[in-house]
């Protein structure tokens, strides 16, 4: 069914279509209990053999939705009904911000890819925290990750304060945290991936984490553009700060080996989808082997089929996440992956 309507969706602006679809999915979920049941029975594939426990959290299946799809925590319940084992919301910042100028998302159909330069557009952490509080009261079983970042106006030397604010506000309403210093769409943000500023952020958050009776797993999301030497630094930083794991990878600034031959290839922003698949897998395999599987890895980047997901898991990932593949292949992809893993 999705493949029949996709050509129609792809005639319109990607960002506008995104909100058109998720808002109607939420409306259908909220207004029609029977419809919600039909969606679950159609897409959700739940058997015991799919359950995983990773960094102390039980997941009903290993297929999650990556950050960026639900930036404000508005659609978690309706997206969860499609069969995802967990939903990562954000990236959220302390203060609301509009993000970069539109248009800021572009499709490359020949490559089954997207370029986006959204720029952490979101309504702020207070709005998200309140939404997730209501969600958790109603559905505590839904595993939610909070992807946190800094406001564009916050200088890098003060970035740690933004991460602390988001961490404190979301602590009671998410199951794990993701520190995002790898988006290419906030000026200077990737400089925080350097060893010393990154250690400062993660150590500060871990100190905050230990003050609570219950601690939350903290993960780091990294770019696919890091060198092997930088990946070695990441392994060392994980060991030193004792964070829970890594998400590999974010979008890339590379435009190598693209099939598309149009002006969109030159658009600024992060590239996601099939062109990132191999590099993402390489990063996962390198981190897993070089660290001797010392920490869990969530694999994301170019997963468009069950075989792609299995490739990430074989390389060393414990869980996987979808984004661009979900847009190109539709919600049936979640069930296809889960069935193949069984």
C-alpha atoms as a PDB file:
ATOM      1  CA  UNK A   1       0.000   0.000   0.000  1.00  0.00           C
ATOM      2  CA  UNK A   2       2.736   2.465   0.936  1.00  0.00           C
ATOM      3  CA  UNK A   3       4.544   1.954  -2.360  1.00  0.00           C
ATOM      4  CA  UNK A   4       1.337   2.974  -4.145  1.00  0.00           C
ATOM      5  CA  UNK A   5       1.012   6.306  -2.339  1.00  0.00           C
ATOM      6  CA  UNK A   6       4.743   7.096  -2.124  1.00  0.00           C
ATOM      7  CA  UNK A   7       4.936   8.601  -5.641  1.00  0.00           C
ATOM      8  CA  UNK A   8       2.205  11.050  -4.633  1.00  0.00           C
ATOM      9  CA  UNK A   9       3.986  11.972  -1.396  1.00  0.00           C
ATOM     10  CA  UNK A  10       7.252  12.463  -3.279  1.00  0.00           C
ATOM     11  CA  UNK A  11       5.680  15.157  -5.497  1.00  0.00           C
ATOM     12  CA  UNK A  12       5.555  17.543  -2.551  1.00  0.00           C
ATOM     13  CA  UNK A  13       8.074  19.206  -0.241  1.00  0.00           C
ATOM     14  CA  UNK A  14       9.572  16.543   2.071  1.00  0.00           C
ATOM     15  CA  UNK A  15       9.124  18.519   5.293  1.00  0.00           C
ATOM     16  CA  UNK A  16       5.503  19.423   4.515  1.00  0.00           C
ATOM     17  CA  UNK A  17       4.658  15.816   3.633  1.00  0.00           C
ATOM     18  CA  UNK A  18       6.322  14.602   6.812  1.00  0.00           C
ATOM     19  CA  UNK A  19       4.094  16.699   9.044  1.00  0.00           C
ATOM     20  CA  UNK A  20       1.009  15.958   6.939  1.00  0.00           C
ATOM     21  CA  UNK A  21       1.507  12.208   7.450  1.00  0.00           C
ATOM     22  CA  UNK A  22       2.479  12.144  11.142  1.00  0.00           C
ATOM     23  CA  UNK A  23      -0.318  14.517  12.151  1.00  0.00           C
ATOM     24  CA  UNK A  24      -2.910  12.331  10.440  1.00  0.00           C
ATOM     25  CA  UNK A  25      -1.409   9.207  11.944  1.00  0.00           C
ATOM     26  CA  UNK A  26      -1.721  10.795  15.385  1.00  0.00           C
ATOM     27  CA  UNK A  27      -5.282  11.945  14.690  1.00  0.00           C
ATOM     28  CA  UNK A  28      -6.254   8.441  13.581  1.00  0.00           C
ATOM     29  CA  UNK A  29      -4.550   6.957  16.651  1.00  0.00           C
ATOM     30  CA  UNK A  30      -6.290   9.369  19.059  1.00  0.00           C
ATOM     31  CA  UNK A  31      -9.782   9.393  17.559  1.00  0.00           C
ATOM     32  CA  UNK A  32     -10.340   5.797  16.469  1.00  0.00           C
ATOM     33  CA  UNK A  33      -9.523   3.061  19.013  1.00  0.00           C
ATOM     34  CA  UNK A  34     -10.504   0.386  16.499  1.00  0.00           C
ATOM     35  CA  UNK A  35      -8.231   1.948  13.901  1.00  0.00           C
ATOM     36  CA  UNK A  36      -5.389   1.950  16.389  1.00  0.00           C
ATOM     37  CA  UNK A  37      -5.946  -1.767  16.956  1.00  0.00           C
ATOM     38  CA  UNK A  38      -5.946  -2.408  13.201  1.00  0.00           C
ATOM     39  CA  UNK A  39      -2.637  -0.542  12.804  1.00  0.00           C
ATOM     40  CA  UNK A  40      -1.052  -2.565  15.602  1.00  0.00           C
ATOM     41  CA  UNK A  41      -2.257  -5.872  14.184  1.00  0.00           C
ATOM     42  CA  UNK A  42      -1.075  -4.903  10.696  1.00  0.00           C
ATOM     43  CA  UNK A  43       2.416  -3.691  11.545  1.00  0.00           C
ATOM     44  CA  UNK A  44       3.437  -4.768  15.046  1.00  0.00           C
ATOM     45  CA  UNK A  45       5.225  -8.128  15.080  1.00  0.00           C
ATOM     46  CA  UNK A  46       5.873  -9.099  18.686  1.00  0.00           C
ATOM     47  CA  UNK A  47       7.320 -12.433  19.756  1.00  0.00           C
ATOM     48  CA  UNK A  48       9.503 -13.344  22.723  1.00  0.00           C
ATOM     49  CA  UNK A  49      12.476 -14.147  20.531  1.00  0.00           C
ATOM     50  CA  UNK A  50      12.822 -10.492  19.536  1.00  0.00           C
ATOM     51  CA  UNK A  51      13.196  -9.122  23.045  1.00  0.00           C
ATOM     52  CA  UNK A  52      16.567  -7.663  23.979  1.00  0.00           C
ATOM     53  CA  UNK A  53      18.049  -6.220  27.147  1.00  0.00           C
ATOM     54  CA  UNK A  54      20.666  -3.584  26.433  1.00  0.00           C
ATOM     55  CA  UNK A  55      22.268  -1.171  28.929  1.00  0.00           C
ATOM     56  CA  UNK A  56      19.731  -2.329  31.504  1.00  0.00           C
ATOM     57  CA  UNK A  57      16.630  -1.597  29.401  1.00  0.00           C
ATOM     58  CA  UNK A  58      14.268  -4.237  28.046  1.00  0.00           C
ATOM     59  CA  UNK A  59      13.318  -3.695  24.391  1.00  0.00           C
ATOM     60  CA  UNK A  60      10.400  -5.608  22.853  1.00  0.00           C
ATOM     61  CA  UNK A  61      12.384  -5.722  19.601  1.00  0.00           C
ATOM     62  CA  UNK A  62      15.699  -4.260  18.396  1.00  0.00           C
ATOM     63  CA  UNK A  63      14.273  -1.931  15.720  1.00  0.00           C
ATOM     64  CA  UNK A  64      13.949   1.692  16.788  1.00  0.00           C
ATOM     65  CA  UNK A  65      13.127   5.038  15.235  1.00  0.00           C
ATOM     66  CA  UNK A  66      16.077   7.425  15.055  1.00  0.00           C
ATOM     67  CA  UNK A  67      16.042  10.972  16.363  1.00  0.00           C
ATOM     68  CA  UNK A  68      14.884  13.704  14.012  1.00  0.00           C
ATOM     69  CA  UNK A  69      11.588  12.116  13.039  1.00  0.00           C
ATOM     70  CA  UNK A  70       9.709  13.283  16.145  1.00  0.00           C
ATOM     71  CA  UNK A  71      11.601  16.348  17.288  1.00  0.00           C
ATOM     72  CA  UNK A  72       9.135  17.401  19.989  1.00  0.00           C
ATOM     73  CA  UNK A  73       7.801  14.123  21.369  1.00  0.00           C
ATOM     74  CA  UNK A  74       4.396  14.689  19.759  1.00  0.00           C
ATOM     75  CA  UNK A  75       3.897  11.377  17.944  1.00  0.00           C
ATOM     76  CA  UNK A  76       5.517   8.735  20.137  1.00  0.00           C
ATOM     77  CA  UNK A  77       2.408   6.644  20.807  1.00  0.00           C
ATOM     78  CA  UNK A  78       1.191   6.567  17.196  1.00  0.00           C
ATOM     79  CA  UNK A  79       4.685   5.769  15.881  1.00  0.00           C
ATOM     80  CA  UNK A  80       5.126   3.051  18.489  1.00  0.00           C
ATOM     81  CA  UNK A  81       1.943   1.388  17.212  1.00  0.00           C
ATOM     82  CA  UNK A  82       3.738   0.799  13.903  1.00  0.00           C
ATOM     83  CA  UNK A  83       5.908  -1.785  15.643  1.00  0.00           C
ATOM     84  CA  UNK A  84       9.024   0.095  16.715  1.00  0.00           C
ATOM     85  CA  UNK A  85      10.793  -1.352  19.734  1.00  0.00           C
ATOM     86  CA  UNK A  86      11.812   2.118  20.897  1.00  0.00           C
ATOM     87  CA  UNK A  87      11.444   5.744  19.841  1.00  0.00           C
ATOM     88  CA  UNK A  88      14.171   8.355  20.093  1.00  0.00           C
ATOM     89  CA  UNK A  89      12.858  11.925  20.247  1.00  0.00           C
ATOM     90  CA  UNK A  90      14.655  15.191  19.553  1.00  0.00           C
ATOM     91  CA  UNK A  91      17.150  16.599  19.049  1.00  0.00           C
ATOM     92  CA  UNK A  92      15.805  18.962  21.706  1.00  0.00           C
ATOM     93  CA  UNK A  93      17.467  22.125  23.003  1.00  0.00           C
ATOM     94  CA  UNK A  94      16.855  24.124  26.197  1.00  0.00           C
ATOM     95  CA  UNK A  95      15.125  27.015  24.414  1.00  0.00           C
ATOM     96  CA  UNK A  96      12.803  26.780  21.408  1.00  0.00           C
ATOM     97  CA  UNK A  97      14.407  27.596  18.077  1.00  0.00           C
ATOM     98  CA  UNK A  98      13.082  27.706  14.495  1.00  0.00           C
ATOM     99  CA  UNK A  99      16.013  25.949  12.871  1.00  0.00           C
ATOM    100  CA  UNK A 100      17.473  26.893   9.516  1.00  0.00           C
ATOM    101  CA  UNK A 101      15.646  28.630   6.688  1.00  0.00           C
ATOM    102  CA  UNK A 102      13.348  26.581   4.452  1.00  0.00           C
ATOM    103  CA  UNK A 103      13.610  24.636   2.244  1.00  0.00           C
ATOM    104  CA  UNK A 104      15.903  22.510   4.391  1.00  0.00           C
ATOM    105  CA  UNK A 105      15.193  18.910   3.404  1.00  0.00           C
ATOM    106  CA  UNK A 106      15.771  17.397  -0.021  1.00  0.00           C
ATOM    107  CA  UNK A 107      15.202  13.963  -1.558  1.00  0.00           C
ATOM    108  CA  UNK A 108      17.694  12.189  -3.809  1.00  0.00           C
ATOM    109  CA  UNK A 109      15.460   9.358  -5.118  1.00  0.00           C
ATOM    110  CA  UNK A 110      18.114   7.845  -7.388  1.00  0.00           C
ATOM    111  CA  UNK A 111      20.267   7.297  -4.308  1.00  0.00           C
ATOM    112  CA  UNK A 112      17.355   6.584  -1.925  1.00  0.00           C
ATOM    113  CA  UNK A 113      18.796   9.341   0.229  1.00  0.00           C
ATOM    114  CA  UNK A 114      17.950  12.615   1.950  1.00  0.00           C
ATOM    115  CA  UNK A 115      19.887  15.793   2.555  1.00  0.00           C
ATOM    116  CA  UNK A 116      18.719  17.818   5.526  1.00  0.00           C
ATOM    117  CA  UNK A 117      19.892  20.968   7.240  1.00  0.00           C
ATOM    118  CA  UNK A 118      17.033  21.303   9.716  1.00  0.00           C
ATOM    119  CA  UNK A 119      19.187  22.901  12.414  1.00  0.00           C
ATOM    120  CA  UNK A 120      17.634  21.468  15.603  1.00  0.00           C
ATOM    121  CA  UNK A 121      14.235  23.081  15.007  1.00  0.00           C
ATOM    122  CA  UNK A 122      12.173  22.304  18.121  1.00  0.00           C
ATOM    123  CA  UNK A 123       9.789  23.783  20.684  1.00  0.00           C
ATOM    124  CA  UNK A 124      12.202  23.546  23.590  1.00  0.00           C
ATOM    125  CA  UNK A 125      12.798  21.034  26.347  1.00  0.00           C
ATOM    126  CA  UNK A 126       9.952  22.234  28.618  1.00  0.00           C
ATOM    127  CA  UNK A 127       7.352  21.408  25.957  1.00  0.00           C
ATOM    128  CA  UNK A 128       8.890  18.011  25.296  1.00  0.00           C
ATOM    129  CA  UNK A 129       9.154  17.157  28.992  1.00  0.00           C
ATOM    130  CA  UNK A 130       5.477  17.856  29.583  1.00  0.00           C
ATOM    131  CA  UNK A 131       4.416  15.775  26.567  1.00  0.00           C
ATOM    132  CA  UNK A 132       6.573  12.840  27.606  1.00  0.00           C
ATOM    133  CA  UNK A 133       5.309  13.054  31.176  1.00  0.00           C
ATOM    134  CA  UNK A 134       1.752  12.561  29.921  1.00  0.00           C
ATOM    135  CA  UNK A 135       2.878   9.768  27.595  1.00  0.00           C
ATOM    136  CA  UNK A 136       4.704   7.879  30.353  1.00  0.00           C
ATOM    137  CA  UNK A 137       1.690   8.160  32.664  1.00  0.00           C
ATOM    138  CA  UNK A 138      -0.374   6.487  29.955  1.00  0.00           C
ATOM    139  CA  UNK A 139       2.192   4.154  28.380  1.00  0.00           C
ATOM    140  CA  UNK A 140       5.148   3.450  30.672  1.00  0.00           C
ATOM    141  CA  UNK A 141       6.010   0.417  28.533  1.00  0.00           C
ATOM    142  CA  UNK A 142       7.095   2.509  25.533  1.00  0.00           C
ATOM    143  CA  UNK A 143      10.880   2.893  25.563  1.00  0.00           C
ATOM    144  CA  UNK A 144      11.791   6.501  24.808  1.00  0.00           C
ATOM    145  CA  UNK A 145      15.246   7.963  24.240  1.00  0.00           C
ATOM    146  CA  UNK A 146      15.950  11.671  24.623  1.00  0.00           C
ATOM    147  CA  UNK A 147      18.380  13.111  22.079  1.00  0.00           C
ATOM    148  CA  UNK A 148      19.787  16.359  23.492  1.00  0.00           C
ATOM    149  CA  UNK A 149      21.735  19.217  21.939  1.00  0.00           C
ATOM    150  CA  UNK A 150      22.709  22.844  22.394  1.00  0.00           C
ATOM    151  CA  UNK A 151      20.998  25.973  21.126  1.00  0.00           C
ATOM    152  CA  UNK A 152      22.539  27.602  18.070  1.00  0.00           C
ATOM    153  CA  UNK A 153      23.140  30.833  20.007  1.00  0.00           C
ATOM    154  CA  UNK A 154      25.026  29.079  22.819  1.00  0.00           C
ATOM    155  CA  UNK A 155      28.809  29.323  22.327  1.00  0.00           C
ATOM    156  CA  UNK A 156      30.709  26.042  22.455  1.00  0.00           C
ATOM    157  CA  UNK A 157      32.487  26.994  25.666  1.00  0.00           C
ATOM    158  CA  UNK A 158      29.059  27.138  27.367  1.00  0.00           C
ATOM    159  CA  UNK A 159      27.589  24.105  25.607  1.00  0.00           C
ATOM    160  CA  UNK A 160      27.758  21.860  28.655  1.00  0.00           C
ATOM    161  CA  UNK A 161      25.141  24.018  30.412  1.00  0.00           C
ATOM    162  CA  UNK A 162      22.655  23.380  27.595  1.00  0.00           C
ATOM    163  CA  UNK A 163      23.176  19.620  27.819  1.00  0.00           C
ATOM    164  CA  UNK A 164      22.706  19.751  31.609  1.00  0.00           C
ATOM    165  CA  UNK A 165      19.434  21.688  31.276  1.00  0.00           C
ATOM    166  CA  UNK A 166      18.017  19.150  28.835  1.00  0.00           C
ATOM    167  CA  UNK A 167      19.278  16.255  30.959  1.00  0.00           C
ATOM    168  CA  UNK A 168      17.642  17.573  34.137  1.00  0.00           C
ATOM    169  CA  UNK A 169      14.318  18.380  32.472  1.00  0.00           C
ATOM    170  CA  UNK A 170      13.978  15.004  30.763  1.00  0.00           C
ATOM    171  CA  UNK A 171      15.474  12.761  33.417  1.00  0.00           C
ATOM    172  CA  UNK A 172      12.155  11.490  34.795  1.00  0.00           C
ATOM    173  CA  UNK A 173      10.449  11.001  31.422  1.00  0.00           C
ATOM    174  CA  UNK A 174      12.976   9.206  29.191  1.00  0.00           C
ATOM    175  CA  UNK A 175      14.629   5.802  29.456  1.00  0.00           C
ATOM    176  CA  UNK A 176      18.009   6.787  28.013  1.00  0.00           C
ATOM    177  CA  UNK A 177      19.854   9.874  26.764  1.00  0.00           C
ATOM    178  CA  UNK A 178      21.779  10.563  23.579  1.00  0.00           C
ATOM    179  CA  UNK A 179      24.335  13.376  23.450  1.00  0.00           C
ATOM    180  CA  UNK A 180      24.287  14.832  19.940  1.00  0.00           C
ATOM    181  CA  UNK A 181      27.508  16.611  19.010  1.00  0.00           C
ATOM    182  CA  UNK A 182      27.625  15.191  15.488  1.00  0.00           C
ATOM    183  CA  UNK A 183      24.942  17.032  13.521  1.00  0.00           C
ATOM    184  CA  UNK A 184      26.501  19.054  10.682  1.00  0.00           C
ATOM    185  CA  UNK A 185      23.656  21.580  10.719  1.00  0.00           C
ATOM    186  CA  UNK A 186      24.484  23.666  13.800  1.00  0.00           C
ATOM    187  CA  UNK A 187      27.579  25.829  13.186  1.00  0.00           C
ATOM    188  CA  UNK A 188      30.559  24.622  15.203  1.00  0.00           C
ATOM    189  CA  UNK A 189      28.718  21.722  16.846  1.00  0.00           C
ATOM    190  CA  UNK A 190      31.017  19.021  15.469  1.00  0.00           C
ATOM    191  CA  UNK A 191      33.957  20.752  17.144  1.00  0.00           C
ATOM    192  CA  UNK A 192      32.516  19.327  20.380  1.00  0.00           C
ATOM    193  CA  UNK A 193      33.479  15.846  19.115  1.00  0.00           C
ATOM    194  CA  UNK A 194      37.089  16.740  19.845  1.00  0.00           C
ATOM    195  CA  UNK A 195      38.512  14.839  22.797  1.00  0.00           C
ATOM    196  CA  UNK A 196      38.672  17.458  25.537  1.00  0.00           C
ATOM    197  CA  UNK A 197      35.322  19.272  25.033  1.00  0.00           C
ATOM    198  CA  UNK A 198      33.582  15.921  24.608  1.00  0.00           C
ATOM    199  CA  UNK A 199      35.061  14.526  27.824  1.00  0.00           C
ATOM    200  CA  UNK A 200      33.951  17.672  29.649  1.00  0.00           C
ATOM    201  CA  UNK A 201      30.340  17.273  28.507  1.00  0.00           C
ATOM    202  CA  UNK A 202      30.134  13.543  29.202  1.00  0.00           C
ATOM    203  CA  UNK A 203      31.907  13.668  32.565  1.00  0.00           C
ATOM    204  CA  UNK A 204      29.664  16.511  33.713  1.00  0.00           C
ATOM    205  CA  UNK A 205      26.528  14.608  32.697  1.00  0.00           C
ATOM    206  CA  UNK A 206      27.789  11.450  34.399  1.00  0.00           C
ATOM    207  CA  UNK A 207      28.428  13.378  37.625  1.00  0.00           C
ATOM    208  CA  UNK A 208      24.854  14.650  37.386  1.00  0.00           C
ATOM    209  CA  UNK A 209      23.674  11.120  36.670  1.00  0.00           C
ATOM    210  CA  UNK A 210      25.296   9.662  39.799  1.00  0.00           C
ATOM    211  CA  UNK A 211      23.523  12.162  42.053  1.00  0.00           C
ATOM    212  CA  UNK A 212      20.205  10.472  41.352  1.00  0.00           C
ATOM    213  CA  UNK A 213      18.987   7.327  43.055  1.00  0.00           C
ATOM    214  CA  UNK A 214      18.263   6.008  39.558  1.00  0.00           C
ATOM    215  CA  UNK A 215      20.745   6.695  36.777  1.00  0.00           C
ATOM    216  CA  UNK A 216      19.949   6.784  33.070  1.00  0.00           C
ATOM    217  CA  UNK A 217      22.094   5.279  30.317  1.00  0.00           C
ATOM    218  CA  UNK A 218      23.918   8.013  28.401  1.00  0.00           C
ATOM    219  CA  UNK A 219      24.954   7.334  24.803  1.00  0.00           C
ATOM    220  CA  UNK A 220      27.000   9.377  22.363  1.00  0.00           C
ATOM    221  CA  UNK A 221      25.946   9.806  18.735  1.00  0.00           C
ATOM    222  CA  UNK A 222      28.918  10.132  16.402  1.00  0.00           C
ATOM    223  CA  UNK A 223      29.446  11.182  12.788  1.00  0.00           C
ATOM    224  CA  UNK A 224      30.437   8.740  10.044  1.00  0.00           C
ATOM    225  CA  UNK A 225      33.150  11.173   8.954  1.00  0.00           C
ATOM    226  CA  UNK A 226      35.511  10.482  11.875  1.00  0.00           C
ATOM    227  CA  UNK A 227      38.975   9.086  11.145  1.00  0.00           C
ATOM    228  CA  UNK A 228      40.248   5.882  12.723  1.00  0.00           C
ATOM    229  CA  UNK A 229      42.345   7.974  15.113  1.00  0.00           C
ATOM    230  CA  UNK A 230      39.236   9.865  16.190  1.00  0.00           C
ATOM    231  CA  UNK A 231      37.355   6.585  16.623  1.00  0.00           C
ATOM    232  CA  UNK A 232      40.197   5.401  18.847  1.00  0.00           C
ATOM    233  CA  UNK A 233      39.652   8.549  20.918  1.00  0.00           C
ATOM    234  CA  UNK A 234      35.928   7.706  21.140  1.00  0.00           C
ATOM    235  CA  UNK A 235      36.733   4.245  22.502  1.00  0.00           C
ATOM    236  CA  UNK A 236      39.032   5.806  25.087  1.00  0.00           C
ATOM    237  CA  UNK A 237      36.420   8.414  26.039  1.00  0.00           C
ATOM    238  CA  UNK A 238      33.710   5.764  26.519  1.00  0.00           C
ATOM    239  CA  UNK A 239      36.023   3.827  28.848  1.00  0.00           C
ATOM    240  CA  UNK A 240      37.027   6.916  30.795  1.00  0.00           C
ATOM    241  CA  UNK A 241      33.577   8.488  31.194  1.00  0.00           C
ATOM    242  CA  UNK A 242      31.793   5.127  31.566  1.00  0.00           C
ATOM    243  CA  UNK A 243      28.877   6.158  29.367  1.00  0.00           C
ATOM    244  CA  UNK A 244      26.547   3.358  28.293  1.00  0.00           C
ATOM    245  CA  UNK A 245      27.339   3.179  24.593  1.00  0.00           C
ATOM    246  CA  UNK A 246      27.494   4.692  21.120  1.00  0.00           C
ATOM    247  CA  UNK A 247      25.042   5.422  18.318  1.00  0.00           C
ATOM    248  CA  UNK A 248      26.786   5.021  14.965  1.00  0.00           C
ATOM    249  CA  UNK A 249      26.186   7.000  12.875  1.00  0.00           C
ATOM    250  CA  UNK A 250      24.702  10.424  12.209  1.00  0.00           C
ATOM    251  CA  UNK A 251      24.485  11.950   8.709  1.00  0.00           C
ATOM    252  CA  UNK A 252      27.552  12.606   6.562  1.00  0.00           C
ATOM    253  CA  UNK A 253      28.858  15.746   4.881  1.00  0.00           C
ATOM    254  CA  UNK A 254      30.411  13.598   2.147  1.00  0.00           C
ATOM    255  CA  UNK A 255      28.882  13.550  -1.342  1.00  0.00           C
ATOM    256  CA  UNK A 256      31.027  10.757  -2.774  1.00  0.00           C
ATOM    257  CA  UNK A 257      29.692   8.078  -5.159  1.00  0.00           C
ATOM    258  CA  UNK A 258      26.198   9.548  -5.540  1.00  0.00           C
ATOM    259  CA  UNK A 259      24.109   8.482  -8.532  1.00  0.00           C
ATOM    260  CA  UNK A 260      22.073  11.687  -8.539  1.00  0.00           C
ATOM    261  CA  UNK A 261      23.156  14.321 -11.038  1.00  0.00           C
ATOM    262  CA  UNK A 262      21.271  17.453 -10.069  1.00  0.00           C
ATOM    263  CA  UNK A 263      21.720  20.693  -8.167  1.00  0.00           C
ATOM    264  CA  UNK A 264      20.362  19.153  -4.971  1.00  0.00           C
ATOM    265  CA  UNK A 265      23.605  17.194  -4.516  1.00  0.00           C
ATOM    266  CA  UNK A 266      25.294  20.508  -3.753  1.00  0.00           C
ATOM    267  CA  UNK A 267      22.857  21.504  -1.021  1.00  0.00           C
ATOM    268  CA  UNK A 268      24.416  22.041   2.380  1.00  0.00           C
ATOM    269  CA  UNK A 269      23.453  19.608   5.114  1.00  0.00           C
ATOM    270  CA  UNK A 270      23.778  16.029   6.262  1.00  0.00           C
ATOM    271  CA  UNK A 271      23.286  13.148   3.829  1.00  0.00           C
ATOM    272  CA  UNK A 272      21.409  10.062   5.032  1.00  0.00           C
ATOM    273  CA  UNK A 273      20.108   6.878   3.456  1.00  0.00           C
ATOM    274  CA  UNK A 274      21.741   4.215   1.316  1.00  0.00           C
ATOM    275  CA  UNK A 275      24.938   6.180   0.551  1.00  0.00           C
ATOM    276  CA  UNK A 276      25.787   6.124   4.279  1.00  0.00           C
ATOM    277  CA  UNK A 277      25.154   2.396   4.740  1.00  0.00           C
ATOM    278  CA  UNK A 278      28.624   1.018   4.150  1.00  0.00           C
ATOM    279  CA  UNK A 279      30.481   3.688   6.099  1.00  0.00           C
ATOM    280  CA  UNK A 280      28.100   3.351   9.034  1.00  0.00           C
ATOM    281  CA  UNK A 281      28.708  -0.396   9.099  1.00  0.00           C
ATOM    282  CA  UNK A 282      32.469   0.152   8.892  1.00  0.00           C
ATOM    283  CA  UNK A 283      32.349   2.445  11.927  1.00  0.00           C
ATOM    284  CA  UNK A 284      30.272  -0.073  13.894  1.00  0.00           C
ATOM    285  CA  UNK A 285      32.650  -2.904  13.038  1.00  0.00           C
ATOM    286  CA  UNK A 286      35.738  -0.833  13.885  1.00  0.00           C
ATOM    287  CA  UNK A 287      34.380   0.264  17.273  1.00  0.00           C
ATOM    288  CA  UNK A 288      33.178  -3.231  18.143  1.00  0.00           C
ATOM    289  CA  UNK A 289      36.385  -5.025  17.187  1.00  0.00           C
ATOM    290  CA  UNK A 290      38.860  -2.410  18.417  1.00  0.00           C
ATOM    291  CA  UNK A 291      37.122  -2.155  21.816  1.00  0.00           C
ATOM    292  CA  UNK A 292      36.607  -5.927  22.048  1.00  0.00           C
ATOM    293  CA  UNK A 293      32.850  -5.321  22.298  1.00  0.00           C
ATOM    294  CA  UNK A 294      33.349  -3.246  25.440  1.00  0.00           C
ATOM    295  CA  UNK A 295      30.116  -1.267  25.025  1.00  0.00           C
ATOM    296  CA  UNK A 296      26.757  -1.536  23.220  1.00  0.00           C
ATOM    297  CA  UNK A 297      26.337   0.114  19.823  1.00  0.00           C
ATOM    298  CA  UNK A 298      23.087   1.201  18.187  1.00  0.00           C
ATOM    299  CA  UNK A 299      23.509   0.961  14.420  1.00  0.00           C
ATOM    300  CA  UNK A 300      21.860   3.516  12.159  1.00  0.00           C
ATOM    301  CA  UNK A 301      22.518   4.614   8.601  1.00  0.00           C
ATOM    302  CA  UNK A 302      21.191   3.282   5.317  1.00  0.00           C
ATOM    303  CA  UNK A 303      18.954   0.495   6.623  1.00  0.00           C
ATOM    304  CA  UNK A 304      16.442  -0.099   3.836  1.00  0.00           C
ATOM    305  CA  UNK A 305      15.933  -3.859   4.186  1.00  0.00           C
ATOM    306  CA  UNK A 306      16.101  -6.750   6.635  1.00  0.00           C
ATOM    307  CA  UNK A 307      19.507  -7.672   5.155  1.00  0.00           C
ATOM    308  CA  UNK A 308      20.795  -4.159   5.888  1.00  0.00           C
ATOM    309  CA  UNK A 309      19.684  -4.463   9.514  1.00  0.00           C
ATOM    310  CA  UNK A 310      21.304  -7.881   9.844  1.00  0.00           C
ATOM    311  CA  UNK A 311      24.527  -6.454   8.414  1.00  0.00           C
ATOM    312  CA  UNK A 312      24.627  -3.853  11.190  1.00  0.00           C
ATOM    313  CA  UNK A 313      23.962  -6.489  13.848  1.00  0.00           C
ATOM    314  CA  UNK A 314      26.629  -8.789  12.417  1.00  0.00           C
ATOM    315  CA  UNK A 315      29.097  -5.891  12.507  1.00  0.00           C
ATOM    316  CA  UNK A 316      28.553  -5.493  16.252  1.00  0.00           C
ATOM    317  CA  UNK A 317      25.390  -3.467  16.800  1.00  0.00           C
ATOM    318  CA  UNK A 318      22.987  -4.568  19.544  1.00  0.00           C
ATOM    319  CA  UNK A 319      20.052  -2.518  18.250  1.00  0.00           C
ATOM    320  CA  UNK A 320      19.276  -0.657  15.019  1.00  0.00           C
ATOM    321  CA  UNK A 321      17.404   2.500  14.130  1.00  0.00           C
ATOM    322  CA  UNK A 322      15.551   3.612  11.004  1.00  0.00           C
ATOM    323  CA  UNK A 323      14.979   7.018   9.498  1.00  0.00           C
ATOM    324  CA  UNK A 324      15.516   7.470   5.752  1.00  0.00           C
ATOM    325  CA  UNK A 325      14.786   3.804   5.039  1.00  0.00           C
ATOM    326  CA  UNK A 326      11.486   4.211   6.893  1.00  0.00           C
ATOM    327  CA  UNK A 327      10.598   7.103   4.560  1.00  0.00           C
ATOM    328  CA  UNK A 328      11.555   5.245   1.374  1.00  0.00           C
ATOM    329  CA  UNK A 329      10.289   1.772   2.282  1.00  0.00           C
ATOM    330  CA  UNK A 330       7.353   2.568   4.574  1.00  0.00           C
ATOM    331  CA  UNK A 331       6.203   1.087   7.887  1.00  0.00           C
ATOM    332  CA  UNK A 332       6.277  -2.468   6.554  1.00  0.00           C
ATOM    333  CA  UNK A 333      10.058  -2.329   6.872  1.00  0.00           C
ATOM    334  CA  UNK A 334       9.880  -2.664  10.673  1.00  0.00           C
ATOM    335  CA  UNK A 335       7.890  -5.879  10.510  1.00  0.00           C
ATOM    336  CA  UNK A 336      10.060  -7.252   7.697  1.00  0.00           C
ATOM    337  CA  UNK A 337      13.191  -6.778   9.809  1.00  0.00           C
ATOM    338  CA  UNK A 338      11.607  -8.290  12.910  1.00  0.00           C
ATOM    339  CA  UNK A 339      10.326 -11.341  11.035  1.00  0.00           C
ATOM    340  CA  UNK A 340      13.701 -11.936   9.448  1.00  0.00           C
ATOM    341  CA  UNK A 341      15.449 -11.750  12.839  1.00  0.00           C
ATOM    342  CA  UNK A 342      13.122 -14.420  14.253  1.00  0.00           C
END
